[in-house]
Amino acid sequence: MQLRPYQQEALEAVRDAYRKKHRRVLVVMPTGTGKTVLFAEISRLAKGPVLVLAHRQELVQQARDKIAHWCDDVVAVEMADRRELTRPNGQRPKIAVASIQTLGRRLQEIPRDAFRMVIIDEAHHST
């Protein structure tokens, strides 16, 4: 699969910001332009565990499905009765998707260094 030119441009802007040591990067794209695909690619390229946060159940599932398809990898979900951030062998997944509400309730259970990157889908809902 390949990013569209404007997605590739956004990806390069994010990577450039990281190279310049910026750690809080905001990407703004219109509805229907493939933001989920973009953060799937960012997650795939990340050098450590990534947490993707969404504010609605359907966005959590949509993100999980798209990231798993794009990255060809297992993506953990932490939402409601699903607890996949910790596996029985103690290992953590490379990519996890969680609802903001569930993660807020389980914050004490997750080590501060569990994720190297956090991506917030529809970040304007997180303030």
C-alpha atoms as a PDB file:
ATOM      1  CA  MET A   1       0.000   0.000   0.000  1.00  0.00           C
ATOM      2  CA  GLN A   2       1.108   3.513  -0.664  1.00  0.00           C
ATOM      3  CA  LEU A   3       0.310   6.872   0.870  1.00  0.00           C
ATOM      4  CA  ARG A   4      -1.308   9.534  -1.251  1.00  0.00           C
ATOM      5  CA  PRO A   5       0.974  12.489  -2.045  1.00  0.00           C
ATOM      6  CA  TYR A   6      -0.607  14.776   0.581  1.00  0.00           C
ATOM      7  CA  GLN A   7      -0.376  11.991   3.193  1.00  0.00           C
ATOM      8  CA  GLN A   8       3.292  11.498   2.315  1.00  0.00           C
ATOM      9  CA  GLU A   9       3.818  15.239   2.691  1.00  0.00           C
ATOM     10  CA  ALA A  10       2.180  15.168   6.140  1.00  0.00           C
ATOM     11  CA  LEU A  11       4.297  12.150   7.133  1.00  0.00           C
ATOM     12  CA  GLU A  12       7.483  13.946   6.095  1.00  0.00           C
ATOM     13  CA  ALA A  13       6.414  17.023   8.074  1.00  0.00           C
ATOM     14  CA  VAL A  14       5.921  14.861  11.191  1.00  0.00           C
ATOM     15  CA  ARG A  15       9.272  13.120  10.695  1.00  0.00           C
ATOM     16  CA  ASP A  16      10.988  16.464  10.135  1.00  0.00           C
ATOM     17  CA  ALA A  17       9.451  17.833  13.342  1.00  0.00           C
ATOM     18  CA  TYR A  18      10.740  14.788  15.251  1.00  0.00           C
ATOM     19  CA  ARG A  19      14.218  15.224  13.775  1.00  0.00           C
ATOM     20  CA  LYS A  20      14.122  18.782  15.133  1.00  0.00           C
ATOM     21  CA  LYS A  21      13.255  17.346  18.590  1.00  0.00           C
ATOM     22  CA  HIS A  22       9.639  18.543  18.568  1.00  0.00           C
ATOM     23  CA  ARG A  23       7.662  15.972  20.546  1.00  0.00           C
ATOM     24  CA  ARG A  24       4.177  17.475  20.342  1.00  0.00           C
ATOM     25  CA  VAL A  25       3.120  17.535  16.721  1.00  0.00           C
ATOM     26  CA  LEU A  26      -0.395  18.300  15.472  1.00  0.00           C
ATOM     27  CA  VAL A  27      -1.559  17.137  12.042  1.00  0.00           C
ATOM     28  CA  VAL A  28      -4.763  18.686  10.714  1.00  0.00           C
ATOM     29  CA  MET A  29      -6.459  17.068   7.715  1.00  0.00           C
ATOM     30  CA  PRO A  30     -10.044  17.305   6.416  1.00  0.00           C
ATOM     31  CA  THR A  31     -12.580  14.522   6.870  1.00  0.00           C
ATOM     32  CA  GLY A  32     -12.089  11.656   4.442  1.00  0.00           C
ATOM     33  CA  THR A  33      -8.446  12.352   3.604  1.00  0.00           C
ATOM     34  CA  GLY A  34      -6.998   9.309   5.357  1.00  0.00           C
ATOM     35  CA  LYS A  35      -5.828  10.482   8.762  1.00  0.00           C
ATOM     36  CA  THR A  36      -6.142   6.941  10.105  1.00  0.00           C
ATOM     37  CA  VAL A  37      -3.927   5.615   7.320  1.00  0.00           C
ATOM     38  CA  LEU A  38      -1.410   8.350   8.094  1.00  0.00           C
ATOM     39  CA  PHE A  39      -1.159   7.497  11.773  1.00  0.00           C
ATOM     40  CA  ALA A  40      -1.076   3.792  10.880  1.00  0.00           C
ATOM     41  CA  GLU A  41       2.055   4.510   8.856  1.00  0.00           C
ATOM     42  CA  ILE A  42       3.507   6.657  11.639  1.00  0.00           C
ATOM     43  CA  SER A  43       2.836   3.771  14.061  1.00  0.00           C
ATOM     44  CA  ARG A  44       4.445   1.274  11.700  1.00  0.00           C
ATOM     45  CA  LEU A  45       7.599   3.386  11.421  1.00  0.00           C
ATOM     46  CA  ALA A  46       7.853   4.181  15.140  1.00  0.00           C
ATOM     47  CA  LYS A  47      10.866   2.817  16.963  1.00  0.00           C
ATOM     48  CA  GLY A  48       8.924   1.854  20.074  1.00  0.00           C
ATOM     49  CA  PRO A  49       5.445   1.082  21.389  1.00  0.00           C
ATOM     50  CA  VAL A  50       2.659   3.379  20.173  1.00  0.00           C
ATOM     51  CA  LEU A  51      -0.659   4.180  21.840  1.00  0.00           C
ATOM     52  CA  VAL A  52      -3.506   5.503  19.695  1.00  0.00           C
ATOM     53  CA  LEU A  53      -6.331   7.190  21.608  1.00  0.00           C
ATOM     54  CA  ALA A  54      -9.839   7.786  20.295  1.00  0.00           C
ATOM     55  CA  HIS A  55     -12.863   9.285  22.005  1.00  0.00           C
ATOM     56  CA  ARG A  56     -15.584   6.998  20.599  1.00  0.00           C
ATOM     57  CA  GLN A  57     -15.933   3.225  20.443  1.00  0.00           C
ATOM     58  CA  GLU A  58     -16.413   3.140  16.671  1.00  0.00           C
ATOM     59  CA  LEU A  59     -13.239   5.206  16.171  1.00  0.00           C
ATOM     60  CA  VAL A  60     -11.265   2.794  18.370  1.00  0.00           C
ATOM     61  CA  GLN A  61     -12.434  -0.165  16.297  1.00  0.00           C
ATOM     62  CA  GLN A  62     -11.914   1.660  12.991  1.00  0.00           C
ATOM     63  CA  ALA A  63      -8.382   2.640  14.006  1.00  0.00           C
ATOM     64  CA  ARG A  64      -7.563  -0.894  15.169  1.00  0.00           C
ATOM     65  CA  ASP A  65      -8.804  -2.439  11.931  1.00  0.00           C
ATOM     66  CA  LYS A  66      -7.050   0.033   9.659  1.00  0.00           C
ATOM     67  CA  ILE A  67      -3.750  -0.069  11.570  1.00  0.00           C
ATOM     68  CA  ALA A  68      -3.768  -3.878  11.664  1.00  0.00           C
ATOM     69  CA  HIS A  69      -4.400  -3.982   7.907  1.00  0.00           C
ATOM     70  CA  TRP A  70      -1.808  -1.310   7.102  1.00  0.00           C
ATOM     71  CA  CYS A  71       0.890  -2.630   9.450  1.00  0.00           C
ATOM     72  CA  ASP A  72       0.125  -6.320   8.986  1.00  0.00           C
ATOM     73  CA  ASP A  73       0.487  -6.673  12.743  1.00  0.00           C
ATOM     74  CA  VAL A  74      -1.580  -7.489  15.805  1.00  0.00           C
ATOM     75  CA  VAL A  75      -2.999  -4.346  17.375  1.00  0.00           C
ATOM     76  CA  ALA A  76      -4.145  -4.479  20.994  1.00  0.00           C
ATOM     77  CA  VAL A  77      -7.381  -2.850  22.128  1.00  0.00           C
ATOM     78  CA  GLU A  78      -8.018  -1.439  25.593  1.00  0.00           C
ATOM     79  CA  MET A  79     -11.685  -0.531  25.878  1.00  0.00           C
ATOM     80  CA  ALA A  80     -14.612  -1.514  28.094  1.00  0.00           C
ATOM     81  CA  ASP A  81     -14.174  -5.236  28.875  1.00  0.00           C
ATOM     82  CA  ARG A  82     -11.209  -5.686  26.502  1.00  0.00           C
ATOM     83  CA  ARG A  83      -7.848  -5.662  28.268  1.00  0.00           C
ATOM     84  CA  GLU A  84      -5.077  -6.344  25.783  1.00  0.00           C
ATOM     85  CA  LEU A  85      -2.323  -3.930  26.860  1.00  0.00           C
ATOM     86  CA  THR A  86      -0.593  -6.646  28.849  1.00  0.00           C
ATOM     87  CA  ARG A  87      -0.211 -10.140  27.498  1.00  0.00           C
ATOM     88  CA  PRO A  88      -0.048 -13.250  29.725  1.00  0.00           C
ATOM     89  CA  ASN A  89       3.736 -13.446  29.180  1.00  0.00           C
ATOM     90  CA  GLY A  90       4.089  -9.826  30.342  1.00  0.00           C
ATOM     91  CA  GLN A  91       4.974  -8.488  26.903  1.00  0.00           C
ATOM     92  CA  ARG A  92       3.314  -5.364  25.585  1.00  0.00           C
ATOM     93  CA  PRO A  93       2.099  -4.912  22.019  1.00  0.00           C
ATOM     94  CA  LYS A  94       3.943  -2.579  19.631  1.00  0.00           C
ATOM     95  CA  ILE A  95       0.678  -0.798  18.815  1.00  0.00           C
ATOM     96  CA  ALA A  96      -2.357  -0.381  21.048  1.00  0.00           C
ATOM     97  CA  VAL A  97      -5.608   1.483  20.499  1.00  0.00           C
ATOM     98  CA  ALA A  98      -7.671   2.630  23.467  1.00  0.00           C
ATOM     99  CA  SER A  99     -10.639   4.776  24.266  1.00  0.00           C
ATOM    100  CA  ILE A 100      -9.770   7.891  26.226  1.00  0.00           C
ATOM    101  CA  GLN A 101     -12.488   7.088  28.781  1.00  0.00           C
ATOM    102  CA  THR A 102     -11.227   3.551  29.479  1.00  0.00           C
ATOM    103  CA  LEU A 103      -7.609   4.595  29.626  1.00  0.00           C
ATOM    104  CA  GLY A 104      -8.501   7.354  32.079  1.00  0.00           C
ATOM    105  CA  ARG A 105     -10.012   4.764  34.420  1.00  0.00           C
ATOM    106  CA  ARG A 106      -7.005   2.416  34.069  1.00  0.00           C
ATOM    107  CA  LEU A 107      -4.228   4.983  34.117  1.00  0.00           C
ATOM    108  CA  GLN A 108      -2.763   3.647  37.380  1.00  0.00           C
ATOM    109  CA  GLU A 109      -2.313   0.210  35.774  1.00  0.00           C
ATOM    110  CA  ILE A 110      -0.107   1.428  32.928  1.00  0.00           C
ATOM    111  CA  PRO A 111       3.564   2.285  33.502  1.00  0.00           C
ATOM    112  CA  ARG A 112       4.505   5.838  32.479  1.00  0.00           C
ATOM    113  CA  ASP A 113       7.115   4.505  30.062  1.00  0.00           C
ATOM    114  CA  ALA A 114       4.844   1.901  28.431  1.00  0.00           C
ATOM    115  CA  PHE A 115       4.622   3.874  25.173  1.00  0.00           C
ATOM    116  CA  ARG A 116       7.169   5.855  23.242  1.00  0.00           C
ATOM    117  CA  MET A 117       4.542   7.718  21.228  1.00  0.00           C
ATOM    118  CA  VAL A 118       0.905   8.667  21.784  1.00  0.00           C
ATOM    119  CA  ILE A 119      -1.336   9.539  18.838  1.00  0.00           C
ATOM    120  CA  ILE A 120      -4.674  11.182  19.594  1.00  0.00           C
ATOM    121  CA  ASP A 121      -7.353  10.790  16.940  1.00  0.00           C
ATOM    122  CA  GLU A 122      -9.528  13.903  16.767  1.00  0.00           C
ATOM    123  CA  ALA A 123      -7.318  15.686  19.296  1.00  0.00           C
ATOM    124  CA  HIS A 124      -9.736  18.594  19.598  1.00  0.00           C
ATOM    125  CA  HIS A 125     -11.908  16.295  21.760  1.00  0.00           C
ATOM    126  CA  SER A 126      -9.078  15.669  24.226  1.00  0.00           C
ATOM    127  CA  THR A 127      -8.834  19.144  25.740  1.00  0.00           C
END
